[in-house]
Amino acid sequence: MTADERGPLDVLIRRLKRASRLDETEAEALLSLPAIVRDVGSGYMIGRSGERPGQCCLLADGFIRRDQTTSDGKRQILSFYVPGDIPDLQTIHLKTLDHDVVTVTEARLVFLPHEPLVALCRAHPLIGEALWRETLIDAAVTRAWITTIGRTSARARVAHLLCELATRLDVVGLAEERRFRMPLTQHEIGDALGLSIVSVNRILQDLRGHKVISLSKRVLAIHDWDKLQRIGQFDPLYLHLHGAPPASGMPEGS
């Protein structure tokens, strides 16, 4: 593996180390994985429902979404992914995808073949535990989204999503002083939260009008974290970030 290819895997290693007991032995073992690094544009279909992938995809840079489409063509975005995430890790055991995995932005992807990854987990149980933990957290995020979408107001849904993105990006060092790249369109936010574009636009304007957030050139800044957290009823417990120290002003997970 070249020096350029080590960098993307380092993103995963840093993430796993913050919430697990991985040491340098496991880190070196992860770096030994065969990997294919690919730079792609937005809208790149990483995996399509019905496919049987032979590899997992680590997101090294950019944003990814997971979605399903109804028989009449309506899209439901199920989750968003940030650098360090492996959105299709479950394909190691669930061989057939039941959803689509698509890039939201230009992205750097690192493809890890299933067989060497499984062998590595068997040889290094701590790596297997760390990756299993990531899959469990992914499921916890889904539960939180279901509750938020099903039982909170439109304003709370948008605020909750912004809190979640800020917290997850902070963990990987991409939300300095609660400012982060916000490439999601209002259409994508609406498709994730069950809202119309008009509703999303109105809520974002309201949050800006009350100086809770600002948004300029696709960079979102949170000016009143406590208020945004209250509006979104956001409790980071479901992100299980107890292995990572919180940034200044950010709430700590369980």
Protein backbone atom coordinates (compact mmCIF):
# COMPACT_ATOMS: atom_id res chain seq x y z
CA MET A 1 0.00 0.00 0.00
CA THR A 2 1.38 3.43 -0.94
CA ALA A 3 1.72 6.35 1.45
CA ASP A 4 -1.27 8.04 -0.21
CA GLU A 5 -3.42 5.00 0.47
CA ARG A 6 -2.50 4.86 4.17
CA GLY A 7 -4.09 8.22 4.85
CA PRO A 8 -7.70 7.18 4.21
CA LEU A 9 -7.33 4.12 6.44
CA ASP A 10 -5.89 6.34 9.15
CA VAL A 11 -9.30 8.05 9.30
CA LEU A 12 -10.87 4.75 10.34
CA ILE A 13 -8.10 3.95 12.80
CA ARG A 14 -8.39 7.31 14.56
CA ARG A 15 -12.14 6.86 14.84
CA LEU A 16 -11.95 3.33 16.24
CA LYS A 17 -9.21 4.23 18.72
CA ARG A 18 -11.33 6.97 20.26
CA ALA A 19 -14.04 4.53 21.34
CA SER A 20 -12.28 1.18 21.71
CA ARG A 21 -9.19 -0.51 23.11
CA LEU A 22 -7.29 -0.78 19.83
CA ASP A 23 -3.53 -0.43 20.12
CA GLU A 24 -0.75 -0.05 17.56
CA THR A 25 -0.78 -3.78 16.80
CA GLU A 26 -4.38 -3.61 15.63
CA ALA A 27 -3.70 -0.32 13.83
CA GLU A 28 -0.88 -1.88 11.83
CA ALA A 29 -3.07 -4.88 11.07
CA LEU A 30 -5.77 -2.58 9.67
CA LEU A 31 -3.20 -0.80 7.53
CA SER A 32 -2.23 -4.16 6.05
CA LEU A 33 -5.69 -4.62 4.51
CA PRO A 34 -5.82 -4.61 0.72
CA ALA A 35 -7.64 -1.45 -0.27
CA ILE A 36 -8.71 0.33 -3.42
CA VAL A 37 -8.91 4.12 -3.13
CA ARG A 38 -11.25 5.87 -5.53
CA ASP A 39 -12.16 9.54 -5.91
CA VAL A 40 -15.71 9.96 -7.23
CA GLY A 41 -18.23 12.72 -7.89
CA SER A 42 -21.54 13.44 -6.23
CA GLY A 43 -24.36 11.07 -7.07
CA TYR A 44 -22.00 8.09 -7.42
CA MET A 45 -23.88 4.85 -6.77
CA ILE A 46 -21.71 2.87 -4.35
CA GLY A 47 -24.27 0.10 -3.94
CA ARG A 48 -27.73 -0.50 -5.34
CA SER A 49 -30.62 -2.40 -3.76
CA GLY A 50 -30.50 -6.04 -4.87
CA GLU A 51 -26.75 -6.09 -5.48
CA ARG A 52 -24.40 -8.51 -3.71
CA PRO A 53 -21.21 -6.53 -3.02
CA GLY A 54 -17.95 -8.29 -2.30
CA GLN A 55 -16.45 -5.35 -0.45
CA CYS A 56 -17.21 -2.67 2.12
CA CYS A 57 -16.77 1.03 1.52
CA LEU A 58 -14.98 3.30 3.99
CA LEU A 59 -15.74 6.99 3.52
CA ALA A 60 -12.46 8.91 3.78
CA ASP A 61 -13.74 12.30 2.65
CA GLY A 62 -17.14 13.73 1.69
CA PHE A 63 -20.70 12.76 2.56
CA ILE A 64 -22.78 9.66 1.74
CA ARG A 65 -26.48 8.92 2.09
CA ARG A 66 -28.42 5.66 2.41
CA ASP A 67 -31.89 5.63 0.88
CA GLN A 68 -34.80 3.58 -0.36
CA THR A 69 -37.33 4.42 -3.07
CA THR A 70 -41.01 3.48 -3.01
CA SER A 71 -42.73 1.80 -5.93
CA ASP A 72 -44.14 5.16 -7.02
CA GLY A 73 -40.72 6.81 -7.06
CA LYS A 74 -40.64 8.61 -3.69
CA ARG A 75 -37.23 8.68 -2.00
CA GLN A 76 -36.69 8.25 1.74
CA ILE A 77 -33.19 9.06 2.95
CA LEU A 78 -32.45 6.72 5.84
CA SER A 79 -29.15 8.15 7.08
CA PHE A 80 -26.16 10.33 6.28
CA TYR A 81 -22.52 9.30 6.68
CA VAL A 82 -19.40 11.33 7.43
CA PRO A 83 -15.67 10.56 7.09
CA GLY A 84 -14.63 7.49 9.06
CA ASP A 85 -17.98 5.74 8.53
CA ILE A 86 -18.45 2.41 6.73
CA PRO A 87 -22.10 2.62 5.62
CA ASP A 88 -22.29 -0.91 4.20
CA LEU A 89 -20.41 -2.83 6.90
CA GLN A 90 -23.44 -5.08 7.37
CA THR A 91 -22.83 -6.58 3.89
CA ILE A 92 -20.19 -8.81 5.45
CA HIS A 93 -23.09 -10.89 6.79
CA LEU A 94 -26.17 -9.60 4.92
CA LYS A 95 -25.02 -10.39 1.42
CA THR A 96 -27.77 -8.62 -0.53
CA LEU A 97 -28.27 -4.85 -0.23
CA ASP A 98 -31.85 -3.79 0.53
CA HIS A 99 -31.18 -0.08 -0.05
CA ASP A 100 -29.03 2.26 -2.13
CA VAL A 101 -25.76 3.85 -0.96
CA VAL A 102 -24.95 7.06 -2.84
CA THR A 103 -22.44 9.90 -2.51
CA VAL A 104 -23.92 13.28 -1.61
CA THR A 105 -20.74 15.16 -2.55
CA GLU A 106 -17.46 14.49 -4.26
CA ALA A 107 -15.89 11.81 -2.11
CA ARG A 108 -12.84 9.70 -1.49
CA LEU A 109 -13.83 6.08 -1.00
CA VAL A 110 -11.72 3.18 0.26
CA PHE A 111 -13.01 -0.24 -0.78
CA LEU A 112 -12.14 -3.14 1.55
CA PRO A 113 -12.78 -6.67 0.22
CA HIS A 114 -14.93 -8.82 2.51
CA GLU A 115 -12.70 -11.90 2.74
CA PRO A 116 -9.54 -10.17 4.03
CA LEU A 117 -11.65 -8.02 6.36
CA VAL A 118 -13.37 -11.07 7.88
CA ALA A 119 -10.02 -12.85 8.23
CA LEU A 120 -8.58 -9.80 9.97
CA CYS A 121 -11.47 -9.68 12.45
CA ARG A 122 -10.98 -13.36 13.26
CA ALA A 123 -7.23 -12.88 13.78
CA HIS A 124 -7.71 -9.71 15.82
CA PRO A 125 -10.89 -9.96 17.93
CA LEU A 126 -10.54 -6.37 19.17
CA ILE A 127 -10.91 -5.14 15.59
CA GLY A 128 -13.98 -7.31 15.15
CA GLU A 129 -15.46 -5.90 18.38
CA ALA A 130 -14.75 -2.31 17.30
CA LEU A 131 -16.40 -2.79 13.89
CA TRP A 132 -19.37 -4.59 15.46
CA ARG A 133 -19.76 -1.62 17.81
CA GLU A 134 -19.88 0.72 14.80
CA THR A 135 -22.69 -1.37 13.29
CA LEU A 136 -24.64 -1.25 16.56
CA ILE A 137 -24.27 2.54 16.70
CA ASP A 138 -25.54 2.77 13.13
CA ALA A 139 -28.67 0.91 14.29
CA ALA A 140 -28.98 3.25 17.30
CA VAL A 141 -28.93 6.25 14.96
CA THR A 142 -31.75 4.69 12.96
CA ARG A 143 -33.83 4.27 16.12
CA ALA A 144 -33.25 7.91 17.06
CA TRP A 145 -34.30 9.05 13.58
CA ILE A 146 -37.51 6.99 13.73
CA THR A 147 -38.46 8.55 17.07
CA THR A 148 -37.57 12.06 15.94
CA ILE A 149 -39.46 11.84 12.65
CA GLY A 150 -42.45 10.07 14.17
CA ARG A 151 -42.89 12.05 17.38
CA THR A 152 -41.43 15.56 17.08
CA SER A 153 -42.29 18.76 15.24
CA ALA A 154 -40.81 19.73 11.88
CA ARG A 155 -38.67 22.39 13.61
CA ALA A 156 -37.34 19.85 16.11
CA ARG A 157 -36.46 17.40 13.33
CA VAL A 158 -34.31 19.93 11.50
CA ALA A 159 -32.61 21.09 14.70
CA HIS A 160 -31.95 17.48 15.74
CA LEU A 161 -30.32 16.68 12.40
CA LEU A 162 -28.06 19.74 12.64
CA CYS A 163 -27.04 18.78 16.20
CA GLU A 164 -26.29 15.24 15.11
CA LEU A 165 -24.17 16.29 12.14
CA ALA A 166 -22.23 18.80 14.25
CA THR A 167 -21.53 16.18 16.92
CA ARG A 168 -20.50 13.43 14.52
CA LEU A 169 -18.28 15.75 12.49
CA ASP A 170 -16.71 17.08 15.67
CA VAL A 171 -15.60 13.56 16.58
CA VAL A 172 -13.53 13.34 13.38
CA GLY A 173 -12.23 16.89 13.66
CA LEU A 174 -14.45 18.46 11.00
CA ALA A 175 -16.60 20.80 13.10
CA GLU A 176 -14.19 23.28 14.62
CA GLU A 177 -15.97 25.82 16.83
CA ARG A 178 -19.29 24.31 15.69
CA ARG A 179 -18.70 25.29 12.07
CA PHE A 180 -18.85 22.61 9.41
CA ARG A 181 -19.34 22.02 5.74
CA MET A 182 -23.06 21.61 5.03
CA PRO A 183 -23.50 20.21 1.52
CA LEU A 184 -27.02 18.84 2.05
CA THR A 185 -29.68 20.47 -0.10
CA GLN A 186 -33.06 21.40 1.31
CA HIS A 187 -34.49 18.63 -0.87
CA GLU A 188 -32.20 16.07 0.80
CA ILE A 189 -33.01 17.34 4.27
CA GLY A 190 -36.71 17.10 3.43
CA ASP A 191 -36.37 13.56 2.07
CA ALA A 192 -34.55 12.56 5.26
CA LEU A 193 -37.04 14.14 7.66
CA GLY A 194 -40.35 13.68 5.84
CA LEU A 195 -40.71 17.41 5.13
CA SER A 196 -41.40 19.54 2.09
CA ILE A 197 -38.73 21.88 0.72
CA VAL A 198 -40.95 24.80 1.71
CA SER A 199 -41.03 23.62 5.34
CA VAL A 200 -37.27 23.06 5.47
CA ASN A 201 -36.62 26.50 3.99
CA ARG A 202 -38.96 28.16 6.48
CA ILE A 203 -37.36 26.41 9.46
CA LEU A 204 -33.81 27.25 8.39
CA GLN A 205 -34.83 30.88 7.87
CA ASP A 206 -36.40 30.92 11.33
CA LEU A 207 -33.25 29.48 12.96
CA ARG A 208 -31.15 32.06 11.15
CA GLY A 209 -33.55 34.86 12.06
CA HIS A 210 -33.23 33.96 15.74
CA LYS A 211 -29.41 33.84 15.36
CA VAL A 212 -29.24 30.18 16.33
CA ILE A 213 -27.35 29.31 13.14
CA SER A 214 -25.95 30.98 10.05
CA LEU A 215 -25.33 29.43 6.65
CA SER A 216 -23.01 30.94 4.06
CA LYS A 217 -21.30 29.32 1.07
CA ARG A 218 -22.35 25.88 2.30
CA VAL A 219 -20.69 26.35 5.68
CA LEU A 220 -23.07 26.14 8.64
CA ALA A 221 -22.18 27.81 11.93
CA ILE A 222 -24.05 27.10 15.16
CA HIS A 223 -24.10 30.24 17.32
CA ASP A 224 -26.39 29.05 20.13
CA TRP A 225 -25.71 25.38 20.73
CA ASP A 226 -27.81 25.13 23.88
CA LYS A 227 -30.88 26.58 22.16
CA LEU A 228 -30.48 24.38 19.08
CA GLN A 229 -30.14 21.35 21.34
CA ARG A 230 -33.32 22.28 23.21
CA ILE A 231 -35.28 22.85 20.01
CA GLY A 232 -34.15 19.50 18.61
CA GLN A 233 -34.60 17.62 21.92
CA PHE A 234 -31.10 16.37 21.16
CA ASP A 235 -29.47 13.95 23.58
CA PRO A 236 -26.23 12.45 22.18
CA LEU A 237 -26.69 9.26 24.20
CA TYR A 238 -27.56 7.27 21.05
CA LEU A 239 -24.22 8.18 19.43
CA HIS A 240 -22.32 6.40 22.23
CA LEU A 241 -19.33 8.73 22.16
CA HIS A 242 -18.02 7.91 25.62
CA GLY A 243 -14.63 7.00 24.16
CA ALA A 244 -14.15 10.48 22.71
CA PRO A 245 -13.53 13.69 24.66
CA PRO A 246 -16.11 16.35 23.81
CA ALA A 247 -15.10 19.55 22.05
CA SER A 248 -15.51 22.82 23.90
CA GLY A 249 -19.20 23.50 24.37
CA MET A 250 -20.31 20.20 22.88
CA PRO A 251 -22.30 17.79 25.04
CA GLU A 252 -20.65 14.52 25.95
CA GLY A 253 -22.26 11.24 24.97
CA SER A 254 -22.92 8.32 27.22
